[in-house]
Amino acid sequence: MSEQKRYSCVKKTKKCFEESLAQLTREYPLNKISVKALCEKAELSRNAFYFHYKDIYDLVEQIEDEIVSEVCGYLDDFREMGFPKNVLASIKSMVLLFDERKNTALMLLDPSFPSTIVPRLSKIFSDFNFEYYKLYHNSEDRSAYDLFYMFISTGFYGMMREWMLSENPAPVESFVSLTYVMIKRLLVLGEPEIEYNLKKPRNEH
């Protein structure tokens, strides 16, 4: 078997376990889902499961690691765009990523599910946005900013979950636009227009 074919086979197998777990968590809490039940749902063998994972919790951790790795992979490109275009790009990428893995996203964003994805992603984007926030506001103080960003993060992932659960969800572009306007304005403390400037203010005499 070629490397490409082997990679495709592994990817397909792991995707099947991921989807099956997401479906099972709609009916049962994570600690009530056995490897046997998951394999039956996925129609795959226990050997296939244990070849990739130590247990169910390792599967969840690997799913989260994969999402975090993907998010970190495109942030460097976004930095070059400058503020606020990079805010729009990061929001759109997150929405498309979660929409593509909708069942997985709903599982991870469920408040009752033992996931660390929200705090992990919040830390990444908090650091990312602070680079621009501190320049715009000429401040290095993170104490208030961290609380403020927690407000943004909680709202964003809450909105994301409600949007995905909706029977008649708004189109992706509409949801991205709404989210962008809200977050952009919050990042500049609600000012209606942004005139982003990296120049430091002149010292008053």
N, C-alpha and C. Protein backbone atom coordinates (compact mmCIF):
# COMPACT_ATOMS: atom_id res chain seq x y z
N MET A 1 0.84 -1.20 0.00
CA MET A 1 0.00 0.00 0.00
C MET A 1 0.88 1.25 0.00
N SER A 2 0.60 2.20 -0.88
CA SER A 2 1.38 3.43 -0.95
C SER A 2 1.14 4.28 0.29
N GLU A 3 2.07 5.21 0.56
CA GLU A 3 1.94 6.09 1.72
C GLU A 3 0.67 6.93 1.63
N GLN A 4 0.37 7.42 0.44
CA GLN A 4 -0.82 8.25 0.26
C GLN A 4 -2.09 7.47 0.54
N LYS A 5 -2.11 6.22 0.06
CA LYS A 5 -3.29 5.37 0.28
C LYS A 5 -3.43 5.03 1.76
N ARG A 6 -2.30 4.74 2.42
CA ARG A 6 -2.31 4.43 3.85
C ARG A 6 -2.82 5.63 4.65
N TYR A 7 -2.34 6.82 4.29
CA TYR A 7 -2.77 8.04 4.98
C TYR A 7 -4.27 8.25 4.81
N SER A 8 -4.76 8.04 3.60
CA SER A 8 -6.18 8.20 3.32
C SER A 8 -7.02 7.20 4.12
N CYS A 9 -6.51 5.98 4.25
CA CYS A 9 -7.22 4.94 5.00
C CYS A 9 -7.27 5.28 6.49
N VAL A 10 -6.14 5.75 7.03
CA VAL A 10 -6.09 6.14 8.44
C VAL A 10 -7.02 7.32 8.70
N LYS A 11 -6.98 8.30 7.82
CA LYS A 11 -7.84 9.48 7.96
C LYS A 11 -9.31 9.10 7.95
N LYS A 12 -9.67 8.20 7.07
CA LYS A 12 -11.06 7.75 6.96
C LYS A 12 -11.49 7.00 8.23
N THR A 13 -10.60 6.16 8.75
CA THR A 13 -10.90 5.39 9.97
C THR A 13 -11.09 6.32 11.16
N LYS A 14 -10.19 7.28 11.32
CA LYS A 14 -10.28 8.20 12.46
C LYS A 14 -11.51 9.10 12.34
N LYS A 15 -11.84 9.49 11.12
CA LYS A 15 -13.03 10.30 10.90
C LYS A 15 -14.28 9.52 11.28
N CYS A 16 -14.30 8.25 10.97
CA CYS A 16 -15.44 7.40 11.30
C CYS A 16 -15.62 7.28 12.80
N PHE A 17 -14.51 7.11 13.54
CA PHE A 17 -14.60 7.04 15.01
C PHE A 17 -15.07 8.38 15.57
N GLU A 18 -14.58 9.46 15.00
CA GLU A 18 -14.97 10.81 15.47
C GLU A 18 -16.46 11.04 15.28
N GLU A 19 -16.97 10.74 14.09
CA GLU A 19 -18.39 10.93 13.79
C GLU A 19 -19.26 10.03 14.66
N SER A 20 -18.83 8.81 14.85
CA SER A 20 -19.60 7.86 15.66
C SER A 20 -19.66 8.31 17.11
N LEU A 21 -18.55 8.84 17.62
CA LEU A 21 -18.55 9.34 18.99
C LEU A 21 -19.50 10.53 19.12
N ALA A 22 -19.46 11.43 18.15
CA ALA A 22 -20.34 12.61 18.18
C ALA A 22 -21.80 12.19 18.20
N GLN A 23 -22.14 11.16 17.45
CA GLN A 23 -23.52 10.67 17.42
C GLN A 23 -23.92 10.03 18.75
N LEU A 24 -23.01 9.26 19.32
CA LEU A 24 -23.31 8.59 20.59
C LEU A 24 -23.48 9.59 21.74
N THR A 25 -22.72 10.69 21.70
CA THR A 25 -22.80 11.66 22.79
C THR A 25 -24.12 12.42 22.79
N ARG A 26 -24.89 12.30 21.74
CA ARG A 26 -26.23 12.89 21.74
C ARG A 26 -27.17 12.11 22.65
N GLU A 27 -26.81 10.85 22.89
CA GLU A 27 -27.68 9.97 23.69
C GLU A 27 -27.11 9.64 25.06
N TYR A 28 -25.77 9.63 25.16
CA TYR A 28 -25.14 9.20 26.40
C TYR A 28 -24.02 10.15 26.82
N PRO A 29 -23.80 10.29 28.14
CA PRO A 29 -22.63 11.06 28.58
C PRO A 29 -21.36 10.31 28.19
N LEU A 30 -20.27 11.03 28.07
CA LEU A 30 -19.03 10.42 27.60
C LEU A 30 -18.59 9.24 28.46
N ASN A 31 -18.74 9.36 29.78
CA ASN A 31 -18.27 8.29 30.67
C ASN A 31 -19.13 7.03 30.61
N LYS A 32 -20.20 7.10 29.84
CA LYS A 32 -21.07 5.92 29.69
C LYS A 32 -20.89 5.26 28.32
N ILE A 33 -19.98 5.80 27.53
CA ILE A 33 -19.75 5.25 26.19
C ILE A 33 -18.53 4.32 26.22
N SER A 34 -18.73 3.08 25.88
CA SER A 34 -17.64 2.11 25.90
C SER A 34 -16.98 2.01 24.52
N VAL A 35 -15.78 1.48 24.53
CA VAL A 35 -15.08 1.25 23.26
C VAL A 35 -15.88 0.26 22.41
N LYS A 36 -16.47 -0.73 23.05
CA LYS A 36 -17.28 -1.73 22.34
C LYS A 36 -18.45 -1.06 21.61
N ALA A 37 -19.15 -0.17 22.33
CA ALA A 37 -20.29 0.52 21.73
C ALA A 37 -19.85 1.43 20.59
N LEU A 38 -18.72 2.09 20.77
CA LEU A 38 -18.21 2.99 19.74
C LEU A 38 -17.83 2.21 18.48
N CYS A 39 -17.17 1.08 18.67
CA CYS A 39 -16.76 0.26 17.52
C CYS A 39 -17.97 -0.30 16.77
N GLU A 40 -18.99 -0.67 17.52
CA GLU A 40 -20.21 -1.16 16.88
C GLU A 40 -20.88 -0.06 16.08
N LYS A 41 -20.89 1.14 16.64
CA LYS A 41 -21.48 2.29 15.94
C LYS A 41 -20.69 2.61 14.67
N ALA A 42 -19.37 2.54 14.76
CA ALA A 42 -18.50 2.86 13.63
C ALA A 42 -18.37 1.70 12.65
N GLU A 43 -18.81 0.52 13.09
CA GLU A 43 -18.65 -0.71 12.29
C GLU A 43 -17.18 -0.97 11.97
N LEU A 44 -16.38 -0.78 13.01
CA LEU A 44 -14.95 -1.03 12.92
C LEU A 44 -14.53 -1.91 14.10
N SER A 45 -13.38 -2.53 13.98
CA SER A 45 -12.92 -3.45 15.02
C SER A 45 -12.28 -2.73 16.20
N ARG A 46 -12.23 -3.43 17.32
CA ARG A 46 -11.55 -2.90 18.50
C ARG A 46 -10.06 -2.74 18.22
N ASN A 47 -9.51 -3.65 17.41
CA ASN A 47 -8.10 -3.54 17.04
C ASN A 47 -7.84 -2.23 16.31
N ALA A 48 -8.77 -1.85 15.45
CA ALA A 48 -8.64 -0.59 14.70
C ALA A 48 -8.66 0.59 15.67
N PHE A 49 -9.52 0.52 16.68
CA PHE A 49 -9.59 1.60 17.66
C PHE A 49 -8.30 1.70 18.45
N TYR A 50 -7.85 0.58 19.01
CA TYR A 50 -6.67 0.62 19.87
C TYR A 50 -5.36 0.82 19.11
N PHE A 51 -5.42 0.69 17.79
CA PHE A 51 -4.25 1.00 16.99
C PHE A 51 -3.99 2.52 17.00
N HIS A 52 -5.09 3.30 17.13
CA HIS A 52 -4.98 4.76 17.09
C HIS A 52 -5.14 5.44 18.45
N TYR A 53 -5.87 4.81 19.36
CA TYR A 53 -6.20 5.49 20.62
C TYR A 53 -5.99 4.58 21.82
N LYS A 54 -5.67 5.20 22.95
CA LYS A 54 -5.54 4.44 24.20
C LYS A 54 -6.91 4.15 24.79
N ASP A 55 -7.81 5.14 24.71
CA ASP A 55 -9.16 5.00 25.23
C ASP A 55 -10.03 6.09 24.62
N ILE A 56 -11.27 6.19 25.07
CA ILE A 56 -12.21 7.18 24.53
C ILE A 56 -11.70 8.60 24.77
N TYR A 57 -11.12 8.83 25.93
CA TYR A 57 -10.65 10.18 26.27
C TYR A 57 -9.47 10.58 25.40
N ASP A 58 -8.67 9.60 25.00
CA ASP A 58 -7.56 9.88 24.09
C ASP A 58 -8.10 10.29 22.72
N LEU A 59 -9.19 9.67 22.30
CA LEU A 59 -9.84 10.04 21.04
C LEU A 59 -10.28 11.50 21.09
N VAL A 60 -10.92 11.90 22.18
CA VAL A 60 -11.36 13.29 22.32
C VAL A 60 -10.17 14.25 22.29
N GLU A 61 -9.12 13.88 23.00
CA GLU A 61 -7.93 14.73 23.06
C GLU A 61 -7.31 14.89 21.67
N GLN A 62 -7.25 13.81 20.92
CA GLN A 62 -6.68 13.89 19.57
C GLN A 62 -7.54 14.74 18.64
N ILE A 63 -8.85 14.66 18.80
CA ILE A 63 -9.75 15.50 18.01
C ILE A 63 -9.48 16.97 18.31
N GLU A 64 -9.37 17.29 19.59
CA GLU A 64 -9.10 18.67 19.99
C GLU A 64 -7.73 19.13 19.49
N ASP A 65 -6.73 18.27 19.62
CA ASP A 65 -5.38 18.62 19.17
C ASP A 65 -5.36 18.92 17.67
N GLU A 66 -6.11 18.15 16.92
CA GLU A 66 -6.17 18.35 15.47
C GLU A 66 -6.79 19.70 15.12
N ILE A 67 -7.85 20.06 15.82
CA ILE A 67 -8.51 21.35 15.58
C ILE A 67 -7.59 22.49 15.97
N VAL A 68 -6.96 22.39 17.12
CA VAL A 68 -6.05 23.43 17.59
C VAL A 68 -4.88 23.59 16.63
N SER A 69 -4.33 22.47 16.16
CA SER A 69 -3.21 22.51 15.23
C SER A 69 -3.61 23.21 13.93
N GLU A 70 -4.82 22.92 13.45
CA GLU A 70 -5.28 23.56 12.22
C GLU A 70 -5.45 25.06 12.40
N VAL A 71 -6.01 25.45 13.53
CA VAL A 71 -6.21 26.88 13.81
C VAL A 71 -4.86 27.60 13.89
N CYS A 72 -3.92 27.03 14.61
CA CYS A 72 -2.59 27.65 14.74
C CYS A 72 -1.88 27.75 13.39
N GLY A 73 -2.19 26.81 12.51
CA GLY A 73 -1.54 26.77 11.21
C GLY A 73 -1.83 27.96 10.33
N TYR A 74 -3.01 28.56 10.47
CA TYR A 74 -3.32 29.69 9.60
C TYR A 74 -3.20 31.05 10.27
N LEU A 75 -2.89 31.10 11.53
CA LEU A 75 -2.79 32.39 12.22
C LEU A 75 -1.62 33.24 11.71
N ASP A 76 -0.51 32.61 11.36
CA ASP A 76 0.64 33.38 10.87
C ASP A 76 0.29 34.15 9.61
N ASP A 77 -0.50 33.53 8.73
CA ASP A 77 -0.93 34.22 7.52
C ASP A 77 -1.85 35.39 7.84
N PHE A 78 -2.68 35.22 8.86
CA PHE A 78 -3.62 36.27 9.23
C PHE A 78 -2.92 37.49 9.82
N ARG A 79 -1.81 37.25 10.50
CA ARG A 79 -1.08 38.38 11.10
C ARG A 79 -0.63 39.38 10.04
N GLU A 80 -0.30 38.87 8.87
CA GLU A 80 0.20 39.74 7.80
C GLU A 80 -0.90 40.62 7.21
N MET A 81 -2.15 40.27 7.43
CA MET A 81 -3.27 41.04 6.87
C MET A 81 -3.47 42.37 7.57
N GLY A 82 -3.11 42.43 8.85
CA GLY A 82 -3.37 43.62 9.63
C GLY A 82 -4.80 43.67 10.15
N PHE A 83 -4.99 44.49 11.16
CA PHE A 83 -6.29 44.65 11.81
C PHE A 83 -7.12 45.67 11.03
N PRO A 84 -8.42 45.47 10.79
CA PRO A 84 -9.27 44.38 11.29
C PRO A 84 -9.50 43.24 10.31
N LYS A 85 -8.82 43.24 9.14
CA LYS A 85 -9.03 42.18 8.17
C LYS A 85 -8.70 40.81 8.75
N ASN A 86 -7.69 40.77 9.63
CA ASN A 86 -7.32 39.47 10.19
C ASN A 86 -8.39 38.95 11.17
N VAL A 87 -9.14 39.87 11.75
CA VAL A 87 -10.24 39.44 12.62
C VAL A 87 -11.32 38.74 11.79
N LEU A 88 -11.65 39.34 10.66
CA LEU A 88 -12.64 38.74 9.76
C LEU A 88 -12.15 37.38 9.26
N ALA A 89 -10.88 37.31 8.87
CA ALA A 89 -10.33 36.05 8.36
C ALA A 89 -10.35 34.95 9.40
N SER A 90 -10.00 35.30 10.64
CA SER A 90 -9.97 34.28 11.70
C SER A 90 -11.38 33.81 12.05
N ILE A 91 -12.34 34.74 12.07
CA ILE A 91 -13.73 34.36 12.36
C ILE A 91 -14.26 33.44 11.27
N LYS A 92 -14.04 33.83 10.02
CA LYS A 92 -14.54 33.03 8.90
C LYS A 92 -13.93 31.64 8.90
N SER A 93 -12.64 31.54 9.16
CA SER A 93 -11.98 30.24 9.18
C SER A 93 -12.53 29.35 10.29
N MET A 94 -12.79 29.94 11.47
CA MET A 94 -13.34 29.17 12.58
C MET A 94 -14.75 28.68 12.26
N VAL A 95 -15.56 29.55 11.69
CA VAL A 95 -16.93 29.18 11.36
C VAL A 95 -16.94 28.06 10.31
N LEU A 96 -16.12 28.20 9.28
CA LEU A 96 -16.06 27.17 8.23
C LEU A 96 -15.52 25.85 8.78
N LEU A 97 -14.52 25.93 9.65
CA LEU A 97 -13.95 24.73 10.25
C LEU A 97 -14.99 23.99 11.08
N PHE A 98 -15.71 24.73 11.93
CA PHE A 98 -16.71 24.09 12.78
C PHE A 98 -17.92 23.64 11.98
N ASP A 99 -18.29 24.39 10.95
CA ASP A 99 -19.43 24.00 10.13
C ASP A 99 -19.12 22.72 9.36
N GLU A 100 -17.88 22.57 8.92
CA GLU A 100 -17.46 21.37 8.20
C GLU A 100 -17.49 20.15 9.12
N ARG A 101 -17.19 20.37 10.39
CA ARG A 101 -17.20 19.27 11.37
C ARG A 101 -18.32 19.53 12.38
N LYS A 102 -19.50 19.75 11.85
CA LYS A 102 -20.63 20.22 12.65
C LYS A 102 -20.94 19.31 13.84
N ASN A 103 -21.05 18.02 13.60
CA ASN A 103 -21.38 17.09 14.70
C ASN A 103 -20.31 17.10 15.78
N THR A 104 -19.06 17.15 15.34
CA THR A 104 -17.95 17.21 16.30
C THR A 104 -17.98 18.51 17.08
N ALA A 105 -18.23 19.62 16.36
CA ALA A 105 -18.28 20.93 17.02
C ALA A 105 -19.39 20.99 18.05
N LEU A 106 -20.56 20.46 17.72
CA LEU A 106 -21.68 20.47 18.66
C LEU A 106 -21.35 19.62 19.89
N MET A 107 -20.64 18.53 19.69
CA MET A 107 -20.22 17.70 20.81
C MET A 107 -19.26 18.47 21.72
N LEU A 108 -18.25 19.09 21.13
CA LEU A 108 -17.22 19.78 21.92
C LEU A 108 -17.75 21.05 22.58
N LEU A 109 -18.74 21.69 21.95
CA LEU A 109 -19.27 22.94 22.49
C LEU A 109 -20.43 22.73 23.46
N ASP A 110 -20.87 21.49 23.61
CA ASP A 110 -21.93 21.19 24.56
C ASP A 110 -21.41 21.45 25.98
N PRO A 111 -22.07 22.32 26.74
CA PRO A 111 -21.60 22.65 28.10
C PRO A 111 -21.43 21.43 29.01
N SER A 112 -22.18 20.37 28.74
CA SER A 112 -22.09 19.19 29.60
C SER A 112 -20.99 18.22 29.18
N PHE A 113 -20.35 18.51 28.04
CA PHE A 113 -19.31 17.61 27.53
C PHE A 113 -17.95 18.02 28.09
N PRO A 114 -17.17 17.04 28.59
CA PRO A 114 -15.86 17.37 29.19
C PRO A 114 -14.80 17.69 28.14
N SER A 115 -14.89 18.87 27.57
CA SER A 115 -13.95 19.28 26.53
C SER A 115 -13.14 20.49 26.98
N THR A 116 -11.91 20.58 26.49
CA THR A 116 -11.07 21.74 26.79
C THR A 116 -10.90 22.63 25.56
N ILE A 117 -11.67 22.36 24.50
CA ILE A 117 -11.47 23.07 23.24
C ILE A 117 -11.71 24.57 23.36
N VAL A 118 -12.74 24.98 24.10
CA VAL A 118 -13.04 26.42 24.21
C VAL A 118 -11.93 27.17 24.94
N PRO A 119 -11.50 26.74 26.13
CA PRO A 119 -10.40 27.47 26.77
C PRO A 119 -9.10 27.44 25.97
N ARG A 120 -8.84 26.35 25.26
CA ARG A 120 -7.62 26.27 24.45
C ARG A 120 -7.66 27.25 23.28
N LEU A 121 -8.78 27.27 22.57
CA LEU A 121 -8.91 28.19 21.44
C LEU A 121 -9.01 29.64 21.92
N SER A 122 -9.66 29.84 23.06
CA SER A 122 -9.78 31.19 23.61
C SER A 122 -8.41 31.77 23.94
N LYS A 123 -7.53 30.94 24.49
CA LYS A 123 -6.17 31.40 24.81
C LYS A 123 -5.42 31.79 23.54
N ILE A 124 -5.56 30.97 22.51
CA ILE A 124 -4.87 31.25 21.25
C ILE A 124 -5.34 32.57 20.66
N PHE A 125 -6.65 32.77 20.58
CA PHE A 125 -7.18 33.98 19.96
C PHE A 125 -7.07 35.19 20.88
N SER A 126 -7.05 34.96 22.18
CA SER A 126 -6.83 36.06 23.11
C SER A 126 -5.44 36.64 22.90
N ASP A 127 -4.44 35.77 22.80
CA ASP A 127 -3.07 36.23 22.54
C ASP A 127 -2.97 36.90 21.17
N PHE A 128 -3.61 36.29 20.19
CA PHE A 128 -3.57 36.82 18.82
C PHE A 128 -4.16 38.23 18.74
N ASN A 129 -5.34 38.42 19.31
CA ASN A 129 -6.00 39.72 19.24
C ASN A 129 -5.36 40.77 20.14
N PHE A 130 -4.70 40.32 21.19
CA PHE A 130 -4.07 41.28 22.09
C PHE A 130 -2.96 42.04 21.39
N GLU A 131 -2.33 41.41 20.43
CA GLU A 131 -1.27 42.09 19.67
C GLU A 131 -1.78 43.38 19.05
N TYR A 132 -3.04 43.37 18.63
CA TYR A 132 -3.62 44.53 17.95
C TYR A 132 -4.35 45.43 18.94
N TYR A 133 -4.97 44.82 19.92
CA TYR A 133 -5.68 45.57 20.95
C TYR A 133 -4.72 46.51 21.69
N LYS A 134 -3.56 46.01 22.07
CA LYS A 134 -2.62 46.82 22.86
C LYS A 134 -2.06 47.98 22.05
N LEU A 135 -1.91 47.77 20.73
CA LEU A 135 -1.43 48.85 19.88
C LEU A 135 -2.51 49.91 19.67
N TYR A 136 -3.72 49.45 19.47
CA TYR A 136 -4.83 50.39 19.25
C TYR A 136 -5.09 51.23 20.49
N HIS A 137 -5.03 50.57 21.65
CA HIS A 137 -5.33 51.27 22.91
C HIS A 137 -4.07 51.74 23.64
N ASN A 138 -2.91 51.46 23.04
CA ASN A 138 -1.65 51.88 23.65
C ASN A 138 -1.55 51.41 25.10
N SER A 139 -1.81 50.12 25.30
CA SER A 139 -1.83 49.57 26.65
C SER A 139 -1.28 48.15 26.67
N GLU A 140 -0.48 47.85 27.68
CA GLU A 140 0.06 46.51 27.87
C GLU A 140 -0.68 45.76 28.98
N ASP A 141 -1.71 46.38 29.54
CA ASP A 141 -2.44 45.79 30.66
C ASP A 141 -3.35 44.67 30.19
N ARG A 142 -3.07 43.44 30.65
CA ARG A 142 -3.89 42.31 30.24
C ARG A 142 -4.93 41.93 31.27
N SER A 143 -4.88 42.50 32.45
CA SER A 143 -5.81 42.10 33.50
C SER A 143 -7.26 42.35 33.09
N ALA A 144 -7.54 43.55 32.62
CA ALA A 144 -8.90 43.87 32.18
C ALA A 144 -9.18 43.20 30.83
N TYR A 145 -8.17 43.17 29.96
CA TYR A 145 -8.35 42.59 28.63
C TYR A 145 -8.74 41.12 28.71
N ASP A 146 -8.12 40.35 29.58
CA ASP A 146 -8.42 38.92 29.68
C ASP A 146 -9.88 38.69 30.08
N LEU A 147 -10.39 39.51 31.00
CA LEU A 147 -11.80 39.40 31.37
C LEU A 147 -12.68 39.81 30.20
N PHE A 148 -12.28 40.86 29.53
CA PHE A 148 -13.01 41.36 28.39
C PHE A 148 -13.04 40.33 27.27
N TYR A 149 -11.89 39.66 27.02
CA TYR A 149 -11.86 38.68 25.95
C TYR A 149 -12.66 37.43 26.33
N MET A 150 -12.73 37.12 27.61
CA MET A 150 -13.55 36.00 28.04
C MET A 150 -15.01 36.26 27.68
N PHE A 151 -15.42 37.52 27.78
CA PHE A 151 -16.78 37.92 27.41
C PHE A 151 -16.99 37.67 25.91
N ILE A 152 -16.02 38.06 25.09
CA ILE A 152 -16.11 37.85 23.64
C ILE A 152 -16.15 36.36 23.32
N SER A 153 -15.24 35.60 23.93
CA SER A 153 -15.12 34.18 23.64
C SER A 153 -16.39 33.42 24.01
N THR A 154 -16.91 33.69 25.21
CA THR A 154 -18.13 33.01 25.65
C THR A 154 -19.28 33.30 24.69
N GLY A 155 -19.39 34.56 24.28
CA GLY A 155 -20.44 34.93 23.35
C GLY A 155 -20.26 34.28 21.98
N PHE A 156 -19.02 34.26 21.50
CA PHE A 156 -18.76 33.70 20.17
C PHE A 156 -19.10 32.22 20.09
N TYR A 157 -18.61 31.43 21.04
CA TYR A 157 -18.86 29.99 20.98
C TYR A 157 -20.31 29.66 21.31
N GLY A 158 -20.93 30.50 22.13
CA GLY A 158 -22.36 30.33 22.40
C GLY A 158 -23.18 30.60 21.15
N MET A 159 -22.84 31.68 20.43
CA MET A 159 -23.51 31.99 19.17
C MET A 159 -23.29 30.89 18.15
N MET A 160 -22.07 30.39 18.08
CA MET A 160 -21.74 29.33 17.13
C MET A 160 -22.62 28.10 17.37
N ARG A 161 -22.75 27.72 18.63
CA ARG A 161 -23.54 26.53 18.96
C ARG A 161 -25.01 26.73 18.62
N GLU A 162 -25.56 27.90 18.99
CA GLU A 162 -26.96 28.17 18.70
C GLU A 162 -27.21 28.21 17.19
N TRP A 163 -26.26 28.76 16.44
CA TRP A 163 -26.39 28.82 14.99
C TRP A 163 -26.42 27.42 14.39
N MET A 164 -25.54 26.55 14.86
CA MET A 164 -25.49 25.19 14.32
C MET A 164 -26.70 24.36 14.73
N LEU A 165 -27.29 24.69 15.88
CA LEU A 165 -28.46 23.95 16.36
C LEU A 165 -29.75 24.43 15.72
N SER A 166 -29.71 25.59 15.10
CA SER A 166 -30.92 26.18 14.53
C SER A 166 -31.50 25.31 13.42
N GLU A 167 -32.84 25.22 13.39
CA GLU A 167 -33.50 24.46 12.33
C GLU A 167 -33.42 25.19 10.99
N ASN A 168 -33.30 26.50 11.07
CA ASN A 168 -33.21 27.31 9.85
C ASN A 168 -32.07 28.31 10.01
N PRO A 169 -30.83 27.82 10.01
CA PRO A 169 -29.68 28.69 10.29
C PRO A 169 -29.45 29.72 9.19
N ALA A 170 -28.91 30.86 9.58
CA ALA A 170 -28.53 31.89 8.61
C ALA A 170 -27.40 31.34 7.75
N PRO A 171 -27.29 31.81 6.51
CA PRO A 171 -26.17 31.38 5.66
C PRO A 171 -24.83 31.69 6.34
N VAL A 172 -23.82 30.93 6.00
CA VAL A 172 -22.50 31.09 6.60
C VAL A 172 -22.01 32.53 6.51
N GLU A 173 -22.11 33.13 5.32
CA GLU A 173 -21.59 34.49 5.13
C GLU A 173 -22.32 35.49 6.02
N SER A 174 -23.62 35.31 6.19
CA SER A 174 -24.39 36.22 7.04
C SER A 174 -23.98 36.08 8.50
N PHE A 175 -23.78 34.84 8.93
CA PHE A 175 -23.37 34.61 10.32
C PHE A 175 -21.97 35.17 10.56
N VAL A 176 -21.08 34.98 9.60
CA VAL A 176 -19.71 35.50 9.72
C VAL A 176 -19.76 37.03 9.81
N SER A 177 -20.55 37.67 8.97
CA SER A 177 -20.65 39.14 8.96
C SER A 177 -21.16 39.67 10.29
N LEU A 178 -22.20 39.03 10.81
CA LEU A 178 -22.76 39.46 12.09
C LEU A 178 -21.73 39.33 13.20
N THR A 179 -21.07 38.20 13.25
CA THR A 179 -20.06 37.95 14.29
C THR A 179 -18.90 38.93 14.17
N TYR A 180 -18.47 39.18 12.95
CA TYR A 180 -17.36 40.10 12.70
C TYR A 180 -17.67 41.50 13.20
N VAL A 181 -18.84 42.01 12.87
CA VAL A 181 -19.21 43.37 13.30
C VAL A 181 -19.20 43.47 14.82
N MET A 182 -19.74 42.46 15.48
CA MET A 182 -19.82 42.48 16.94
C MET A 182 -18.43 42.44 17.58
N ILE A 183 -17.59 41.51 17.12
CA ILE A 183 -16.27 41.35 17.72
C ILE A 183 -15.37 42.53 17.39
N LYS A 184 -15.42 43.00 16.15
CA LYS A 184 -14.59 44.14 15.75
C LYS A 184 -14.88 45.36 16.61
N ARG A 185 -16.14 45.62 16.82
CA ARG A 185 -16.50 46.80 17.61
C ARG A 185 -16.15 46.63 19.08
N LEU A 186 -16.26 45.42 19.57
CA LEU A 186 -15.87 45.18 20.96
C LEU A 186 -14.37 45.37 21.15
N LEU A 187 -13.59 44.94 20.16
CA LEU A 187 -12.13 45.06 20.27
C LEU A 187 -11.67 46.51 20.32
N VAL A 188 -12.49 47.41 19.82
CA VAL A 188 -12.13 48.84 19.89
C VAL A 188 -13.12 49.57 20.81
N LEU A 189 -13.65 48.82 21.76
CA LEU A 189 -14.53 49.38 22.79
C LEU A 189 -15.76 50.07 22.21
N GLY A 190 -16.29 49.50 21.16
CA GLY A 190 -17.58 49.95 20.65
C GLY A 190 -17.54 51.13 19.72
N GLU A 191 -16.37 51.63 19.31
CA GLU A 191 -16.36 52.75 18.39
C GLU A 191 -16.91 52.32 17.03
N PRO A 192 -17.75 53.13 16.39
CA PRO A 192 -18.41 52.71 15.16
C PRO A 192 -17.48 52.58 13.97
N GLU A 193 -16.38 53.33 13.94
CA GLU A 193 -15.46 53.26 12.83
C GLU A 193 -14.04 52.98 13.35
N ILE A 194 -13.26 52.29 12.55
CA ILE A 194 -11.89 51.97 12.95
C ILE A 194 -10.92 52.72 12.06
N GLU A 195 -10.05 53.47 12.66
CA GLU A 195 -8.94 54.08 11.94
C GLU A 195 -7.67 53.56 12.60
N TYR A 196 -7.34 52.34 12.22
CA TYR A 196 -6.24 51.65 12.90
C TYR A 196 -4.91 52.26 12.52
N ASN A 197 -4.11 52.57 13.53
CA ASN A 197 -2.84 53.25 13.30
C ASN A 197 -1.82 52.73 14.29
N LEU A 198 -0.68 52.29 13.78
CA LEU A 198 0.36 51.76 14.66
C LEU A 198 1.20 52.85 15.27
N LYS A 199 1.07 54.10 14.82
CA LYS A 199 1.89 55.18 15.33
C LYS A 199 1.53 55.46 16.79
N LYS A 200 2.54 55.67 17.60
CA LYS A 200 2.31 55.99 18.99
C LYS A 200 1.88 57.45 19.11
N PRO A 201 1.00 57.75 20.06
CA PRO A 201 0.57 59.14 20.21
C PRO A 201 1.73 60.03 20.62
N ARG A 202 1.67 61.27 20.16
CA ARG A 202 2.73 62.21 20.51
C ARG A 202 2.70 62.53 22.01
N ASN A 203 3.87 62.71 22.58
CA ASN A 203 3.93 63.06 24.00
C ASN A 203 3.42 64.47 24.21
N GLU A 204 2.60 64.62 25.22
CA GLU A 204 2.08 65.94 25.51
C GLU A 204 3.14 66.75 26.27
N HIS A 205 3.26 68.00 25.94
CA HIS A 205 4.24 68.87 26.60
C HIS A 205 3.55 69.76 27.63
